[in-house]
Amino acid sequence: MIFKEIIEAEDKSMLLAEKKYPKTSTNSSDRNDDYQKKLVKKLKVAIQNKYKVDENRLKAIALEGLEHNWTMPPMWKD
């Protein structure tokens, strides 16, 4: 459940950053990256608060899921 939410947060942040600052424009690339990082941090903090885990535990769950090929959720769509 937490792993799924972590992946969804990453997908959502990338999609929203791309909508706001498309990487097709060279001067939008840095803005896109900055905005995506800000969004994913905010979304992950919400997950941490929801499940009462710290950042290190969240990273460990994400890594374990990737190492053990846990099922990935479908790509987040707006």
N, C-alpha and C. Protein backbone atom coordinates (compact mmCIF):
# COMPACT_ATOMS: atom_id res chain seq x y z
N MET A 1 0.82 -1.18 0.00
CA MET A 1 0.00 0.00 0.00
C MET A 1 0.88 1.26 0.00
N ILE A 2 1.85 1.33 0.88
CA ILE A 2 2.73 2.50 0.92
C ILE A 2 3.55 2.57 -0.36
N PHE A 3 4.07 1.44 -0.80
CA PHE A 3 4.87 1.41 -2.03
C PHE A 3 4.06 1.97 -3.19
N LYS A 4 2.83 1.54 -3.31
CA LYS A 4 1.95 2.02 -4.39
C LYS A 4 1.80 3.53 -4.32
N GLU A 5 1.60 4.06 -3.13
CA GLU A 5 1.41 5.50 -2.98
C GLU A 5 2.69 6.28 -3.29
N ILE A 6 3.83 5.70 -2.97
CA ILE A 6 5.11 6.36 -3.31
C ILE A 6 5.25 6.47 -4.83
N ILE A 7 5.00 5.38 -5.52
CA ILE A 7 5.12 5.38 -6.98
C ILE A 7 4.10 6.33 -7.60
N GLU A 8 2.89 6.33 -7.09
CA GLU A 8 1.86 7.24 -7.60
C GLU A 8 2.26 8.70 -7.37
N ALA A 9 2.87 8.99 -6.24
CA ALA A 9 3.32 10.36 -5.96
C ALA A 9 4.39 10.79 -6.96
N GLU A 10 5.30 9.89 -7.27
CA GLU A 10 6.35 10.20 -8.25
C GLU A 10 5.75 10.42 -9.64
N ASP A 11 4.84 9.54 -10.03
CA ASP A 11 4.19 9.68 -11.34
C ASP A 11 3.39 10.99 -11.42
N LYS A 12 2.62 11.25 -10.38
CA LYS A 12 1.78 12.46 -10.36
C LYS A 12 2.63 13.72 -10.44
N SER A 13 3.71 13.75 -9.68
CA SER A 13 4.56 14.94 -9.68
C SER A 13 5.20 15.17 -11.05
N MET A 14 5.60 14.09 -11.72
CA MET A 14 6.19 14.24 -13.06
C MET A 14 5.15 14.73 -14.07
N LEU A 15 3.96 14.18 -14.00
CA LEU A 15 2.90 14.57 -14.93
C LEU A 15 2.51 16.03 -14.73
N LEU A 16 2.32 16.44 -13.48
CA LEU A 16 1.92 17.82 -13.21
C LEU A 16 3.02 18.81 -13.56
N ALA A 17 4.26 18.44 -13.32
CA ALA A 17 5.38 19.32 -13.68
C ALA A 17 5.47 19.46 -15.20
N GLU A 18 5.24 18.37 -15.90
CA GLU A 18 5.29 18.42 -17.37
C GLU A 18 4.17 19.28 -17.94
N LYS A 19 3.01 19.24 -17.29
CA LYS A 19 1.89 20.08 -17.75
C LYS A 19 2.19 21.56 -17.52
N LYS A 20 2.78 21.86 -16.38
CA LYS A 20 3.04 23.26 -16.04
C LYS A 20 4.25 23.81 -16.79
N TYR A 21 5.31 23.02 -16.86
CA TYR A 21 6.56 23.45 -17.51
C TYR A 21 7.02 22.34 -18.47
N PRO A 22 6.45 22.30 -19.67
CA PRO A 22 6.83 21.23 -20.62
C PRO A 22 8.33 21.23 -20.92
N LYS A 23 8.92 20.06 -20.92
CA LYS A 23 10.35 19.94 -21.18
C LYS A 23 10.69 20.14 -22.65
N THR A 24 9.68 20.31 -23.49
CA THR A 24 9.94 20.55 -24.91
C THR A 24 10.59 21.91 -25.12
N SER A 25 10.42 22.79 -24.17
CA SER A 25 11.05 24.11 -24.23
C SER A 25 12.32 24.06 -23.39
N THR A 26 13.45 24.44 -23.97
CA THR A 26 14.73 24.34 -23.26
C THR A 26 14.77 25.18 -21.99
N ASN A 27 14.12 26.32 -22.00
CA ASN A 27 14.16 27.16 -20.81
C ASN A 27 13.17 26.70 -19.75
N SER A 28 12.36 25.70 -20.04
CA SER A 28 11.43 25.16 -19.05
C SER A 28 11.98 23.96 -18.31
N SER A 29 13.07 23.39 -18.79
CA SER A 29 13.60 22.16 -18.21
C SER A 29 13.97 22.32 -16.73
N ASP A 30 14.68 23.37 -16.40
CA ASP A 30 15.06 23.58 -14.99
C ASP A 30 13.84 23.83 -14.12
N ARG A 31 12.91 24.60 -14.64
CA ARG A 31 11.68 24.88 -13.88
C ARG A 31 10.89 23.59 -13.67
N ASN A 32 10.82 22.76 -14.71
CA ASN A 32 10.13 21.49 -14.61
C ASN A 32 10.76 20.64 -13.50
N ASP A 33 12.08 20.52 -13.52
CA ASP A 33 12.78 19.71 -12.52
C ASP A 33 12.55 20.24 -11.11
N ASP A 34 12.67 21.55 -10.94
CA ASP A 34 12.47 22.15 -9.62
C ASP A 34 11.04 21.93 -9.12
N TYR A 35 10.08 22.15 -10.00
CA TYR A 35 8.67 22.00 -9.63
C TYR A 35 8.35 20.54 -9.30
N GLN A 36 8.89 19.62 -10.09
CA GLN A 36 8.65 18.20 -9.84
C GLN A 36 9.21 17.78 -8.49
N LYS A 37 10.41 18.23 -8.17
CA LYS A 37 11.03 17.89 -6.88
C LYS A 37 10.21 18.44 -5.72
N LYS A 38 9.73 19.67 -5.88
CA LYS A 38 8.90 20.29 -4.84
C LYS A 38 7.60 19.50 -4.63
N LEU A 39 6.96 19.13 -5.73
CA LEU A 39 5.71 18.39 -5.64
C LEU A 39 5.90 17.01 -5.02
N VAL A 40 6.92 16.28 -5.48
CA VAL A 40 7.11 14.92 -4.97
C VAL A 40 7.46 14.96 -3.48
N LYS A 41 8.21 15.96 -3.06
CA LYS A 41 8.54 16.09 -1.63
C LYS A 41 7.26 16.30 -0.82
N LYS A 42 6.41 17.19 -1.31
CA LYS A 42 5.14 17.49 -0.63
C LYS A 42 4.26 16.23 -0.55
N LEU A 43 4.16 15.51 -1.65
CA LEU A 43 3.34 14.30 -1.68
C LEU A 43 3.90 13.21 -0.77
N LYS A 44 5.22 13.08 -0.74
CA LYS A 44 5.82 12.07 0.12
C LYS A 44 5.70 12.42 1.60
N VAL A 45 5.76 13.70 1.93
CA VAL A 45 5.55 14.11 3.32
C VAL A 45 4.13 13.74 3.75
N ALA A 46 3.17 13.90 2.84
CA ALA A 46 1.79 13.52 3.15
C ALA A 46 1.69 12.01 3.42
N ILE A 47 2.42 11.21 2.65
CA ILE A 47 2.44 9.76 2.87
C ILE A 47 3.07 9.45 4.22
N GLN A 48 4.18 10.11 4.52
CA GLN A 48 4.86 9.92 5.81
C GLN A 48 3.91 10.22 6.97
N ASN A 49 3.19 11.32 6.86
CA ASN A 49 2.26 11.70 7.92
C ASN A 49 1.11 10.71 8.03
N LYS A 50 0.61 10.26 6.91
CA LYS A 50 -0.52 9.32 6.89
C LYS A 50 -0.15 8.01 7.59
N TYR A 51 1.05 7.51 7.32
CA TYR A 51 1.45 6.21 7.86
C TYR A 51 2.40 6.30 9.06
N LYS A 52 2.68 7.52 9.49
CA LYS A 52 3.55 7.74 10.66
C LYS A 52 4.92 7.08 10.49
N VAL A 53 5.54 7.33 9.33
CA VAL A 53 6.89 6.83 9.07
C VAL A 53 7.79 8.01 8.72
N ASP A 54 9.09 7.84 8.94
CA ASP A 54 10.01 8.92 8.60
C ASP A 54 10.52 8.75 7.16
N GLU A 55 11.29 9.72 6.71
CA GLU A 55 11.79 9.73 5.33
C GLU A 55 12.66 8.50 5.04
N ASN A 56 13.49 8.10 6.00
CA ASN A 56 14.35 6.93 5.79
C ASN A 56 13.53 5.66 5.59
N ARG A 57 12.48 5.51 6.37
CA ARG A 57 11.61 4.32 6.24
C ARG A 57 10.91 4.33 4.89
N LEU A 58 10.47 5.50 4.46
CA LEU A 58 9.81 5.62 3.16
C LEU A 58 10.76 5.21 2.03
N LYS A 59 12.00 5.68 2.12
CA LYS A 59 13.01 5.31 1.11
C LYS A 59 13.28 3.81 1.13
N ALA A 60 13.33 3.23 2.33
CA ALA A 60 13.59 1.79 2.46
C ALA A 60 12.45 0.98 1.84
N ILE A 61 11.23 1.42 2.03
CA ILE A 61 10.07 0.73 1.44
C ILE A 61 10.14 0.80 -0.09
N ALA A 62 10.44 1.99 -0.60
CA ALA A 62 10.54 2.16 -2.06
C ALA A 62 11.64 1.27 -2.63
N LEU A 63 12.79 1.25 -1.99
CA LEU A 63 13.91 0.43 -2.45
C LEU A 63 13.57 -1.06 -2.40
N GLU A 64 12.95 -1.49 -1.30
CA GLU A 64 12.57 -2.90 -1.18
C GLU A 64 11.59 -3.29 -2.29
N GLY A 65 10.64 -2.42 -2.56
CA GLY A 65 9.67 -2.71 -3.62
C GLY A 65 10.33 -2.86 -4.97
N LEU A 66 11.29 -1.99 -5.25
CA LEU A 66 12.00 -2.06 -6.54
C LEU A 66 12.90 -3.29 -6.61
N GLU A 67 13.60 -3.57 -5.52
CA GLU A 67 14.50 -4.73 -5.49
C GLU A 67 13.76 -6.05 -5.64
N HIS A 68 12.55 -6.11 -5.10
CA HIS A 68 11.78 -7.36 -5.13
C HIS A 68 10.71 -7.37 -6.21
N ASN A 69 10.80 -6.40 -7.11
CA ASN A 69 9.87 -6.33 -8.25
C ASN A 69 8.40 -6.39 -7.84
N TRP A 70 8.05 -5.61 -6.79
CA TRP A 70 6.66 -5.54 -6.40
C TRP A 70 5.85 -4.96 -7.56
N THR A 71 4.61 -5.33 -7.63
CA THR A 71 3.74 -4.85 -8.70
C THR A 71 3.64 -3.33 -8.67
N MET A 72 3.87 -2.74 -9.83
CA MET A 72 3.78 -1.29 -9.95
C MET A 72 2.33 -0.91 -10.21
N PRO A 73 1.90 0.19 -9.63
CA PRO A 73 0.54 0.65 -9.94
C PRO A 73 0.50 1.21 -11.36
N PRO A 74 -0.70 1.30 -11.93
CA PRO A 74 -0.79 1.92 -13.25
C PRO A 74 -0.31 3.36 -13.19
N MET A 75 0.17 3.86 -14.31
CA MET A 75 0.64 5.25 -14.37
C MET A 75 -0.48 6.18 -13.94
N TRP A 76 -0.14 7.15 -13.08
CA TRP A 76 -1.13 8.11 -12.60
C TRP A 76 -1.59 8.97 -13.76
N LYS A 77 -2.90 9.17 -13.83
CA LYS A 77 -3.46 10.01 -14.88
C LYS A 77 -4.28 11.11 -14.24
N ASP A 78 -4.20 12.24 -14.85
CA ASP A 78 -4.90 13.44 -14.39
C ASP A 78 -6.40 13.27 -14.50
